[in-house]
Amino acid sequence: MGGEFVLRIEDTDLERSTQEAIDAIMEGMEWLELNWTRSLLPD
C-alpha cells in the first residue's frame, strides 16, 4: 500500500499526559499489532 502511519501523542492535558499514559497507549497499539512508521511524542 505504501502508506505511512504516524503515531502522534499530544500533551495538551498536562495533568493526564504522563510517561505512564504514553507507555500504556504504545503497549496497547503493539498488542493490537498496529505498527507505526514513526512517532511524534511530546518532549
PDB file of N, CA and C in Angstrom:
ATOM      1  N   MET A   1       0.812  -1.185   0.000  1.00  0.00           N
ATOM      2  CA  MET A   1       0.000   0.000   0.000  1.00  0.00           C
ATOM      3  C   MET A   1       0.863   1.259   0.000  1.00  0.00           C
ATOM      4  N   GLY A   2       2.022   1.219   0.643  1.00  0.00           N
ATOM      5  CA  GLY A   2       2.942   2.343   0.595  1.00  0.00           C
ATOM      6  C   GLY A   2       2.593   3.523   1.487  1.00  0.00           C
ATOM      7  N   GLY A   3       1.688   3.335   2.437  1.00  0.00           N
ATOM      8  CA  GLY A   3       1.299   4.438   3.315  1.00  0.00           C
ATOM      9  C   GLY A   3       2.239   4.598   4.491  1.00  0.00           C
ATOM     10  N   GLU A   4       1.999   5.621   5.246  1.00  0.00           N
ATOM     11  CA  GLU A   4       2.780   5.891   6.445  1.00  0.00           C
ATOM     12  C   GLU A   4       1.816   6.073   7.611  1.00  0.00           C
ATOM     13  N   PHE A   5       2.098   5.413   8.731  1.00  0.00           N
ATOM     14  CA  PHE A   5       1.271   5.507   9.927  1.00  0.00           C
ATOM     15  C   PHE A   5       2.098   6.220  10.987  1.00  0.00           C
ATOM     16  N   VAL A   6       1.722   7.452  11.287  1.00  0.00           N
ATOM     17  CA  VAL A   6       2.451   8.262  12.260  1.00  0.00           C
ATOM     18  C   VAL A   6       1.662   8.280  13.561  1.00  0.00           C
ATOM     19  N   LEU A   7       2.306   7.858  14.641  1.00  0.00           N
ATOM     20  CA  LEU A   7       1.696   7.898  15.967  1.00  0.00           C
ATOM     21  C   LEU A   7       2.044   9.240  16.597  1.00  0.00           C
ATOM     22  N   ARG A   8       1.029  10.062  16.802  1.00  0.00           N
ATOM     23  CA  ARG A   8       1.238  11.392  17.389  1.00  0.00           C
ATOM     24  C   ARG A   8       0.475  11.470  18.706  1.00  0.00           C
ATOM     25  N   ILE A   9       1.181  11.788  19.756  1.00  0.00           N
ATOM     26  CA  ILE A   9       0.565  11.910  21.070  1.00  0.00           C
ATOM     27  C   ILE A   9       0.690  13.360  21.514  1.00  0.00           C
ATOM     28  N   GLU A  10      -0.448  13.996  21.699  1.00  0.00           N
ATOM     29  CA  GLU A  10      -0.492  15.396  22.122  1.00  0.00           C
ATOM     30  C   GLU A  10      -0.350  15.478  23.643  1.00  0.00           C
ATOM     31  N   ASP A  11       0.261  16.530  24.108  1.00  0.00           N
ATOM     32  CA  ASP A  11       0.394  16.723  25.554  1.00  0.00           C
ATOM     33  C   ASP A  11      -0.362  17.974  25.997  1.00  0.00           C
ATOM     34  N   THR A  12      -1.558  18.157  25.440  1.00  0.00           N
ATOM     35  CA  THR A  12      -2.353  19.339  25.772  1.00  0.00           C
ATOM     36  C   THR A  12      -2.961  19.263  27.170  1.00  0.00           C
ATOM     37  N   ASP A  13      -3.160  18.058  27.680  1.00  0.00           N
ATOM     38  CA  ASP A  13      -3.684  17.875  29.035  1.00  0.00           C
ATOM     39  C   ASP A  13      -2.510  17.449  29.919  1.00  0.00           C
ATOM     40  N   LEU A  14      -1.777  18.429  30.426  1.00  0.00           N
ATOM     41  CA  LEU A  14      -0.542  18.143  31.155  1.00  0.00           C
ATOM     42  C   LEU A  14      -0.760  17.324  32.418  1.00  0.00           C
ATOM     43  N   GLU A  15      -1.954  17.396  32.988  1.00  0.00           N
ATOM     44  CA  GLU A  15      -2.242  16.648  34.209  1.00  0.00           C
ATOM     45  C   GLU A  15      -2.299  15.142  33.943  1.00  0.00           C
ATOM     46  N   ARG A  16      -2.859  14.753  32.803  1.00  0.00           N
ATOM     47  CA  ARG A  16      -3.015  13.331  32.484  1.00  0.00           C
ATOM     48  C   ARG A  16      -1.978  12.821  31.493  1.00  0.00           C
ATOM     49  N   SER A  17      -1.211  13.691  30.884  1.00  0.00           N
ATOM     50  CA  SER A  17      -0.224  13.294  29.886  1.00  0.00           C
ATOM     51  C   SER A  17       1.086  12.937  30.581  1.00  0.00           C
ATOM     52  N   THR A  18       1.146  11.708  31.073  1.00  0.00           N
ATOM     53  CA  THR A  18       2.331  11.239  31.789  1.00  0.00           C
ATOM     54  C   THR A  18       3.050  10.196  30.943  1.00  0.00           C
ATOM     55  N   GLN A  19       4.281   9.912  31.292  1.00  0.00           N
ATOM     56  CA  GLN A  19       5.018   8.872  30.578  1.00  0.00           C
ATOM     57  C   GLN A  19       4.313   7.533  30.733  1.00  0.00           C
ATOM     58  N   GLU A  20       3.721   7.289  31.890  1.00  0.00           N
ATOM     59  CA  GLU A  20       2.972   6.046  32.120  1.00  0.00           C
ATOM     60  C   GLU A  20       1.799   5.936  31.145  1.00  0.00           C
ATOM     61  N   ALA A  21       1.092   7.032  30.919  1.00  0.00           N
ATOM     62  CA  ALA A  21      -0.035   7.033  29.982  1.00  0.00           C
ATOM     63  C   ALA A  21       0.444   6.799  28.550  1.00  0.00           C
ATOM     64  N   ILE A  22       1.548   7.435  28.181  1.00  0.00           N
ATOM     65  CA  ILE A  22       2.110   7.247  26.841  1.00  0.00           C
ATOM     66  C   ILE A  22       2.531   5.796  26.648  1.00  0.00           C
ATOM     67  N   ASP A  23       3.190   5.226  27.647  1.00  0.00           N
ATOM     68  CA  ASP A  23       3.610   3.822  27.573  1.00  0.00           C
ATOM     69  C   ASP A  23       2.407   2.899  27.414  1.00  0.00           C
ATOM     70  N   ALA A  24       1.318   3.173  28.134  1.00  0.00           N
ATOM     71  CA  ALA A  24       0.108   2.347  28.043  1.00  0.00           C
ATOM     72  C   ALA A  24      -0.489   2.418  26.639  1.00  0.00           C
ATOM     73  N   ILE A  25      -0.503   3.602  26.055  1.00  0.00           N
ATOM     74  CA  ILE A  25      -1.016   3.754  24.686  1.00  0.00           C
ATOM     75  C   ILE A  25      -0.170   2.937  23.717  1.00  0.00           C
ATOM     76  N   MET A  26       1.148   3.071  23.832  1.00  0.00           N
ATOM     77  CA  MET A  26       2.042   2.369  22.915  1.00  0.00           C
ATOM     78  C   MET A  26       1.964   0.860  23.096  1.00  0.00           C
ATOM     79  N   GLU A  27       1.853   0.397  24.334  1.00  0.00           N
ATOM     80  CA  GLU A  27       1.720  -1.039  24.592  1.00  0.00           C
ATOM     81  C   GLU A  27       0.420  -1.574  24.003  1.00  0.00           C
ATOM     82  N   GLY A  28      -0.664  -0.822  24.143  1.00  0.00           N
ATOM     83  CA  GLY A  28      -1.940  -1.230  23.568  1.00  0.00           C
ATOM     84  C   GLY A  28      -1.886  -1.304  22.057  1.00  0.00           C
ATOM     85  N   MET A  29      -1.232  -0.332  21.443  1.00  0.00           N
ATOM     86  CA  MET A  29      -1.087  -0.330  19.984  1.00  0.00           C
ATOM     87  C   MET A  29      -0.272  -1.543  19.531  1.00  0.00           C
ATOM     88  N   GLU A  30       0.805  -1.842  20.260  1.00  0.00           N
ATOM     89  CA  GLU A  30       1.628  -3.006  19.926  1.00  0.00           C
ATOM     90  C   GLU A  30       0.835  -4.294  20.101  1.00  0.00           C
ATOM     91  N   TRP A  31       0.037  -4.394  21.160  1.00  0.00           N
ATOM     92  CA  TRP A  31      -0.781  -5.579  21.409  1.00  0.00           C
ATOM     93  C   TRP A  31      -1.770  -5.798  20.265  1.00  0.00           C
ATOM     94  N   LEU A  32      -2.303  -4.707  19.734  1.00  0.00           N
ATOM     95  CA  LEU A  32      -3.229  -4.780  18.605  1.00  0.00           C
ATOM     96  C   LEU A  32      -2.504  -4.976  17.274  1.00  0.00           C
ATOM     97  N   GLU A  33      -1.170  -5.049  17.350  1.00  0.00           N
ATOM     98  CA  GLU A  33      -0.318  -5.202  16.168  1.00  0.00           C
ATOM     99  C   GLU A  33      -0.493  -4.049  15.188  1.00  0.00           C
ATOM    100  N   LEU A  34      -0.679  -2.841  15.741  1.00  0.00           N
ATOM    101  CA  LEU A  34      -0.732  -1.620  14.943  1.00  0.00           C
ATOM    102  C   LEU A  34       0.662  -1.002  14.999  1.00  0.00           C
ATOM    103  N   ASN A  35       1.415  -1.216  13.968  1.00  0.00           N
ATOM    104  CA  ASN A  35       2.806  -0.778  13.941  1.00  0.00           C
ATOM    105  C   ASN A  35       2.933   0.539  13.197  1.00  0.00           C
ATOM    106  N   TRP A  36       3.514   1.522  13.853  1.00  0.00           N
ATOM    107  CA  TRP A  36       3.649   2.837  13.255  1.00  0.00           C
ATOM    108  C   TRP A  36       5.011   2.976  12.591  1.00  0.00           C
ATOM    109  N   THR A  37       5.040   3.830  11.564  1.00  0.00           N
ATOM    110  CA  THR A  37       6.259   4.101  10.816  1.00  0.00           C
ATOM    111  C   THR A  37       7.203   4.967  11.637  1.00  0.00           C
ATOM    112  N   ARG A  38       6.647   5.962  12.271  1.00  0.00           N
ATOM    113  CA  ARG A  38       7.419   6.850  13.140  1.00  0.00           C
ATOM    114  C   ARG A  38       6.473   7.444  14.166  1.00  0.00           C
ATOM    115  N   SER A  39       7.033   8.036  15.193  1.00  0.00           N
ATOM    116  CA  SER A  39       6.190   8.611  16.237  1.00  0.00           C
ATOM    117  C   SER A  39       6.585  10.055  16.507  1.00  0.00           C
ATOM    118  N   LEU A  40       5.594  10.833  16.881  1.00  0.00           N
ATOM    119  CA  LEU A  40       5.791  12.215  17.298  1.00  0.00           C
ATOM    120  C   LEU A  40       5.324  12.287  18.742  1.00  0.00           C
ATOM    121  N   LEU A  41       6.271  12.287  19.646  1.00  0.00           N
ATOM    122  CA  LEU A  41       5.956  12.269  21.069  1.00  0.00           C
ATOM    123  C   LEU A  41       6.317  13.600  21.699  1.00  0.00           C
ATOM    124  N   PRO A  42       5.633  13.960  22.778  1.00  0.00           N
ATOM    125  CA  PRO A  42       5.970  15.207  23.476  1.00  0.00           C
ATOM    126  C   PRO A  42       7.405  15.171  23.988  1.00  0.00           C
ATOM    127  N   ASP A  43       8.025  16.336  24.059  1.00  0.00           N
ATOM    128  CA  ASP A  43       9.411  16.423  24.568  1.00  0.00           C
ATOM    129  C   ASP A  43       9.476  16.200  26.047  1.00  0.00           C
TER     130      ASP A  43
END
